[in-house]
Amino acid sequence: MSTSSLSLAELGGLDERRFVAALGPLFEHSPWVAEGAWRRRPFGSVADLHAALEAAMREASPECQLELIRAHPELAGREADERALTPESSHEQASAGLDRLTADELDVLRRVNRSYRERFGFPLIVCVREHTKDSIIAWGAARLQHSREQEIDIALGEITKIAQLRLGDLLEEGS
């Protein structure tokens, strides 16, 4: 994950370019979220910083939100096969065992991914650090029953959890 930790005070003192460079990876290929949060400084706590990031994401246009959702890789998908995942996504997918699926598990997950993308037009987003490979597959299949609006809301919620965990990885203990 991160090669160096920062304190909340250090983050708060960064200019916009450095702030976005540090926090941009929290939201997959979407540095605009960190840009929006930077304008909400100062941050009295890590919770305040996370709230600013989430607010920037949730206040974005529906088109920007869909772009953010679509910027995420499929779980155990093409990007993983091609080793084209961000370091953060690679670590997260491995932590859930998605890099060690049996052929049958991989087949089932890819069918869920395909059905999900066909139904909703974007990849299945799961905060995999909160799941096992079995629970990811089961929850992904169950989510096919939702409406597109429900899934957009769920995906944004999962992205929020992913970003919160990535932020915790980035910040020093006790920040």
C-alpha atoms as a PDB file:
ATOM      1  CA  MET A   1       0.000   0.000   0.000  1.00  0.00           C
ATOM      2  CA  SER A   2       1.431   3.361   0.994  1.00  0.00           C
ATOM      3  CA  THR A   3       5.179   3.716   1.142  1.00  0.00           C
ATOM      4  CA  SER A   4       5.076   6.466   3.749  1.00  0.00           C
ATOM      5  CA  SER A   5       2.629   7.609   6.379  1.00  0.00           C
ATOM      6  CA  LEU A   6       1.496  11.145   6.939  1.00  0.00           C
ATOM      7  CA  SER A   7      -0.043  12.844   9.922  1.00  0.00           C
ATOM      8  CA  LEU A   8      -3.312  14.712   9.670  1.00  0.00           C
ATOM      9  CA  ALA A   9      -1.441  17.966  10.358  1.00  0.00           C
ATOM     10  CA  GLU A  10       0.986  17.237   7.508  1.00  0.00           C
ATOM     11  CA  LEU A  11      -1.894  16.521   5.142  1.00  0.00           C
ATOM     12  CA  GLY A  12      -3.660  19.705   6.164  1.00  0.00           C
ATOM     13  CA  GLY A  13      -0.551  21.732   5.406  1.00  0.00           C
ATOM     14  CA  LEU A  14      -0.061  20.420   1.873  1.00  0.00           C
ATOM     15  CA  ASP A  15      -0.775  22.588  -1.137  1.00  0.00           C
ATOM     16  CA  GLU A  16      -3.543  21.352  -3.422  1.00  0.00           C
ATOM     17  CA  ARG A  17      -1.254  19.508  -5.836  1.00  0.00           C
ATOM     18  CA  ARG A  18       0.497  17.545  -3.078  1.00  0.00           C
ATOM     19  CA  PHE A  19      -2.762  16.909  -1.212  1.00  0.00           C
ATOM     20  CA  VAL A  20      -4.329  15.451  -4.363  1.00  0.00           C
ATOM     21  CA  ALA A  21      -1.198  13.401  -5.051  1.00  0.00           C
ATOM     22  CA  ALA A  22      -1.369  11.951  -1.529  1.00  0.00           C
ATOM     23  CA  LEU A  23      -5.126  11.314  -1.355  1.00  0.00           C
ATOM     24  CA  GLY A  24      -6.051  10.829  -4.997  1.00  0.00           C
ATOM     25  CA  PRO A  25      -5.480   7.040  -4.827  1.00  0.00           C
ATOM     26  CA  LEU A  26      -8.154   6.702  -2.152  1.00  0.00           C
ATOM     27  CA  PHE A  27     -10.730   6.953  -4.944  1.00  0.00           C
ATOM     28  CA  GLU A  28      -9.821   4.749  -7.901  1.00  0.00           C
ATOM     29  CA  HIS A  29      -8.508   6.891 -10.795  1.00  0.00           C
ATOM     30  CA  SER A  30     -10.613   9.829  -9.540  1.00  0.00           C
ATOM     31  CA  PRO A  31      -8.407  12.580  -8.064  1.00  0.00           C
ATOM     32  CA  TRP A  32     -11.301  15.043  -8.382  1.00  0.00           C
ATOM     33  CA  VAL A  33     -12.657  13.705  -5.066  1.00  0.00           C
ATOM     34  CA  ALA A  34      -9.477  14.751  -3.230  1.00  0.00           C
ATOM     35  CA  GLU A  35      -9.574  18.111  -5.056  1.00  0.00           C
ATOM     36  CA  GLY A  36     -13.084  18.699  -3.711  1.00  0.00           C
ATOM     37  CA  ALA A  37     -12.072  17.726  -0.194  1.00  0.00           C
ATOM     38  CA  TRP A  38      -9.013  20.013  -0.235  1.00  0.00           C
ATOM     39  CA  ARG A  39     -11.326  23.010  -0.618  1.00  0.00           C
ATOM     40  CA  ARG A  40     -13.075  22.010   2.641  1.00  0.00           C
ATOM     41  CA  ARG A  41      -9.975  22.420   4.848  1.00  0.00           C
ATOM     42  CA  PRO A  42      -9.110  22.620   7.685  1.00  0.00           C
ATOM     43  CA  PHE A  43      -9.754  19.150   9.093  1.00  0.00           C
ATOM     44  CA  GLY A  44     -10.021  18.884  12.854  1.00  0.00           C
ATOM     45  CA  SER A  45      -9.903  15.096  12.792  1.00  0.00           C
ATOM     46  CA  VAL A  46      -9.505  12.129  10.497  1.00  0.00           C
ATOM     47  CA  ALA A  47     -13.294  11.775  10.639  1.00  0.00           C
ATOM     48  CA  ASP A  48     -13.607  15.366   9.368  1.00  0.00           C
ATOM     49  CA  LEU A  49     -11.223  14.603   6.509  1.00  0.00           C
ATOM     50  CA  HIS A  50     -13.117  11.445   5.585  1.00  0.00           C
ATOM     51  CA  ALA A  51     -16.415  13.362   5.758  1.00  0.00           C
ATOM     52  CA  ALA A  52     -14.997  16.013   3.400  1.00  0.00           C
ATOM     53  CA  LEU A  53     -13.929  13.322   0.949  1.00  0.00           C
ATOM     54  CA  GLU A  54     -17.328  11.631   1.098  1.00  0.00           C
ATOM     55  CA  ALA A  55     -19.144  14.959   0.712  1.00  0.00           C
ATOM     56  CA  ALA A  56     -17.080  15.801  -2.378  1.00  0.00           C
ATOM     57  CA  MET A  57     -18.034  12.434  -3.863  1.00  0.00           C
ATOM     58  CA  ARG A  58     -21.725  12.576  -2.934  1.00  0.00           C
ATOM     59  CA  GLU A  59     -22.181  16.200  -4.069  1.00  0.00           C
ATOM     60  CA  ALA A  60     -20.741  15.447  -7.508  1.00  0.00           C
ATOM     61  CA  SER A  61     -23.012  15.183 -10.490  1.00  0.00           C
ATOM     62  CA  PRO A  62     -24.571  11.794 -11.221  1.00  0.00           C
ATOM     63  CA  GLU A  63     -22.329  11.591 -14.297  1.00  0.00           C
ATOM     64  CA  CYS A  64     -19.170  12.090 -12.201  1.00  0.00           C
ATOM     65  CA  GLN A  65     -20.392   9.528  -9.679  1.00  0.00           C
ATOM     66  CA  LEU A  66     -20.934   6.984 -12.471  1.00  0.00           C
ATOM     67  CA  GLU A  67     -17.458   7.711 -13.839  1.00  0.00           C
ATOM     68  CA  LEU A  68     -16.063   7.025 -10.351  1.00  0.00           C
ATOM     69  CA  ILE A  69     -17.960   3.732 -10.112  1.00  0.00           C
ATOM     70  CA  ARG A  70     -16.850   2.726 -13.611  1.00  0.00           C
ATOM     71  CA  ALA A  71     -13.210   3.554 -12.750  1.00  0.00           C
ATOM     72  CA  HIS A  72     -13.140   0.547 -10.413  1.00  0.00           C
ATOM     73  CA  PRO A  73     -11.835  -2.750 -11.727  1.00  0.00           C
ATOM     74  CA  GLU A  74     -13.904  -5.898 -11.851  1.00  0.00           C
ATOM     75  CA  LEU A  75     -13.186  -8.281  -9.021  1.00  0.00           C
ATOM     76  CA  ALA A  76     -10.682 -10.907 -10.254  1.00  0.00           C
ATOM     77  CA  GLY A  77     -11.247  -9.501 -13.745  1.00  0.00           C
ATOM     78  CA  ARG A  78      -9.195  -8.544 -16.769  1.00  0.00           C
ATOM     79  CA  GLU A  79      -7.137  -5.929 -14.913  1.00  0.00           C
ATOM     80  CA  ALA A  80      -6.098  -8.531 -12.333  1.00  0.00           C
ATOM     81  CA  ASP A  81      -5.181 -10.997 -15.097  1.00  0.00           C
ATOM     82  CA  GLU A  82      -3.086  -8.335 -16.814  1.00  0.00           C
ATOM     83  CA  ARG A  83      -1.561  -7.142 -13.526  1.00  0.00           C
ATOM     84  CA  ALA A  84      -2.987  -3.710 -14.300  1.00  0.00           C
ATOM     85  CA  LEU A  85      -4.654  -3.087 -10.930  1.00  0.00           C
ATOM     86  CA  THR A  86      -3.615  -0.128  -8.830  1.00  0.00           C
ATOM     87  CA  PRO A  87      -1.397  -1.207  -5.922  1.00  0.00           C
ATOM     88  CA  GLU A  88      -4.306  -0.510  -3.573  1.00  0.00           C
ATOM     89  CA  SER A  89      -6.771  -2.683  -5.520  1.00  0.00           C
ATOM     90  CA  SER A  90      -4.226  -5.456  -5.945  1.00  0.00           C
ATOM     91  CA  HIS A  91      -3.586  -5.567  -2.193  1.00  0.00           C
ATOM     92  CA  GLU A  92      -7.305  -5.461  -1.374  1.00  0.00           C
ATOM     93  CA  GLN A  93      -8.298  -8.193  -3.822  1.00  0.00           C
ATOM     94  CA  ALA A  94      -5.459 -10.393  -2.553  1.00  0.00           C
ATOM     95  CA  SER A  95      -6.544  -9.804   1.057  1.00  0.00           C
ATOM     96  CA  ALA A  96      -9.917 -11.373   0.213  1.00  0.00           C
ATOM     97  CA  GLY A  97      -8.329 -14.313  -1.592  1.00  0.00           C
ATOM     98  CA  LEU A  98      -9.436 -13.197  -5.044  1.00  0.00           C
ATOM     99  CA  ASP A  99      -5.952 -13.896  -6.368  1.00  0.00           C
ATOM    100  CA  ARG A 100      -6.248 -17.517  -5.221  1.00  0.00           C
ATOM    101  CA  LEU A 101      -9.634 -18.588  -6.565  1.00  0.00           C
ATOM    102  CA  THR A 102     -10.168 -22.117  -7.812  1.00  0.00           C
ATOM    103  CA  ALA A 103     -11.182 -22.458 -11.449  1.00  0.00           C
ATOM    104  CA  ASP A 104     -14.792 -23.047 -10.370  1.00  0.00           C
ATOM    105  CA  GLU A 105     -14.819 -20.025  -8.041  1.00  0.00           C
ATOM    106  CA  LEU A 106     -13.315 -17.841 -10.745  1.00  0.00           C
ATOM    107  CA  ASP A 107     -15.937 -19.019 -13.229  1.00  0.00           C
ATOM    108  CA  VAL A 108     -18.782 -18.229 -10.807  1.00  0.00           C
ATOM    109  CA  LEU A 109     -17.380 -14.792  -9.925  1.00  0.00           C
ATOM    110  CA  ARG A 110     -16.870 -13.918 -13.579  1.00  0.00           C
ATOM    111  CA  ARG A 111     -20.474 -14.931 -14.363  1.00  0.00           C
ATOM    112  CA  VAL A 112     -21.681 -12.701 -11.509  1.00  0.00           C
ATOM    113  CA  ASN A 113     -19.458  -9.856 -12.762  1.00  0.00           C
ATOM    114  CA  ARG A 114     -20.766 -10.233 -16.319  1.00  0.00           C
ATOM    115  CA  SER A 115     -24.434 -10.404 -15.253  1.00  0.00           C
ATOM    116  CA  TYR A 116     -23.964  -7.428 -12.951  1.00  0.00           C
ATOM    117  CA  ARG A 117     -22.269  -5.285 -15.616  1.00  0.00           C
ATOM    118  CA  GLU A 118     -24.939  -6.211 -18.192  1.00  0.00           C
ATOM    119  CA  ARG A 119     -27.742  -5.310 -15.767  1.00  0.00           C
ATOM    120  CA  PHE A 120     -26.324  -2.094 -14.299  1.00  0.00           C
ATOM    121  CA  GLY A 121     -23.698  -0.826 -16.756  1.00  0.00           C
ATOM    122  CA  PHE A 122     -20.855  -0.681 -14.238  1.00  0.00           C
ATOM    123  CA  PRO A 123     -18.711  -3.137 -12.264  1.00  0.00           C
ATOM    124  CA  LEU A 124     -19.725  -4.789  -9.023  1.00  0.00           C
ATOM    125  CA  ILE A 125     -18.132  -2.736  -6.233  1.00  0.00           C
ATOM    126  CA  VAL A 126     -17.487  -4.455  -2.910  1.00  0.00           C
ATOM    127  CA  CYS A 127     -15.291  -3.338  -0.026  1.00  0.00           C
ATOM    128  CA  VAL A 128     -13.498  -6.671  -0.201  1.00  0.00           C
ATOM    129  CA  ARG A 129     -11.580  -6.175   3.048  1.00  0.00           C
ATOM    130  CA  GLU A 130     -14.907  -6.721   4.818  1.00  0.00           C
ATOM    131  CA  HIS A 131     -15.594  -9.999   2.998  1.00  0.00           C
ATOM    132  CA  THR A 132     -14.406 -13.454   2.108  1.00  0.00           C
ATOM    133  CA  LYS A 133     -14.363 -14.717  -1.452  1.00  0.00           C
ATOM    134  CA  ASP A 134     -17.533 -16.706  -0.721  1.00  0.00           C
ATOM    135  CA  SER A 135     -19.404 -13.731   0.736  1.00  0.00           C
ATOM    136  CA  ILE A 136     -18.339 -11.539  -2.205  1.00  0.00           C
ATOM    137  CA  ILE A 137     -19.783 -14.033  -4.682  1.00  0.00           C
ATOM    138  CA  ALA A 138     -22.990 -14.508  -2.663  1.00  0.00           C
ATOM    139  CA  TRP A 139     -23.572 -10.786  -2.101  1.00  0.00           C
ATOM    140  CA  GLY A 140     -22.793  -9.968  -5.727  1.00  0.00           C
ATOM    141  CA  ALA A 141     -25.371 -12.506  -6.910  1.00  0.00           C
ATOM    142  CA  ALA A 142     -27.970 -11.219  -4.428  1.00  0.00           C
ATOM    143  CA  ARG A 143     -27.439  -7.624  -5.545  1.00  0.00           C
ATOM    144  CA  LEU A 144     -28.622  -8.520  -9.063  1.00  0.00           C
ATOM    145  CA  GLN A 145     -32.166  -8.232  -7.666  1.00  0.00           C
ATOM    146  CA  HIS A 146     -31.752  -4.528  -6.857  1.00  0.00           C
ATOM    147  CA  SER A 147     -32.716  -1.535  -8.962  1.00  0.00           C
ATOM    148  CA  ARG A 148     -30.016   0.462 -10.734  1.00  0.00           C
ATOM    149  CA  GLU A 149     -30.604   3.372  -8.327  1.00  0.00           C
ATOM    150  CA  GLN A 150     -30.155   1.080  -5.320  1.00  0.00           C
ATOM    151  CA  GLU A 151     -26.927  -0.268  -6.780  1.00  0.00           C
ATOM    152  CA  ILE A 152     -25.527   3.189  -7.474  1.00  0.00           C
ATOM    153  CA  ASP A 153     -26.160   4.061  -3.831  1.00  0.00           C
ATOM    154  CA  ILE A 154     -24.647   0.780  -2.608  1.00  0.00           C
ATOM    155  CA  ALA A 155     -21.608   1.215  -4.882  1.00  0.00           C
ATOM    156  CA  LEU A 156     -20.995   4.735  -3.545  1.00  0.00           C
ATOM    157  CA  GLY A 157     -21.297   3.403   0.001  1.00  0.00           C
ATOM    158  CA  GLU A 158     -18.769   0.654  -0.741  1.00  0.00           C
ATOM    159  CA  ILE A 159     -16.421   3.203  -2.329  1.00  0.00           C
ATOM    160  CA  THR A 160     -16.721   5.295   0.835  1.00  0.00           C
ATOM    161  CA  LYS A 161     -15.706   2.296   2.967  1.00  0.00           C
ATOM    162  CA  ILE A 162     -12.803   1.468   0.634  1.00  0.00           C
ATOM    163  CA  ALA A 163     -11.571   5.072   0.835  1.00  0.00           C
ATOM    164  CA  GLN A 164     -11.865   5.115   4.620  1.00  0.00           C
ATOM    165  CA  LEU A 165      -9.731   1.984   4.919  1.00  0.00           C
ATOM    166  CA  ARG A 166      -7.188   3.346   2.436  1.00  0.00           C
ATOM    167  CA  LEU A 167      -7.061   6.605   4.400  1.00  0.00           C
ATOM    168  CA  GLY A 168      -6.335   4.621   7.560  1.00  0.00           C
ATOM    169  CA  ASP A 169      -3.475   2.888   5.715  1.00  0.00           C
ATOM    170  CA  LEU A 170      -2.047   6.231   4.661  1.00  0.00           C
ATOM    171  CA  LEU A 171      -2.210   8.097   7.959  1.00  0.00           C
ATOM    172  CA  GLU A 172       0.128   7.602  10.871  1.00  0.00           C
ATOM    173  CA  GLU A 173      -1.191   5.952  13.988  1.00  0.00           C
ATOM    174  CA  GLY A 174      -2.674   8.530  16.326  1.00  0.00           C
ATOM    175  CA  SER A 175      -3.179  11.195  13.632  1.00  0.00           C
END
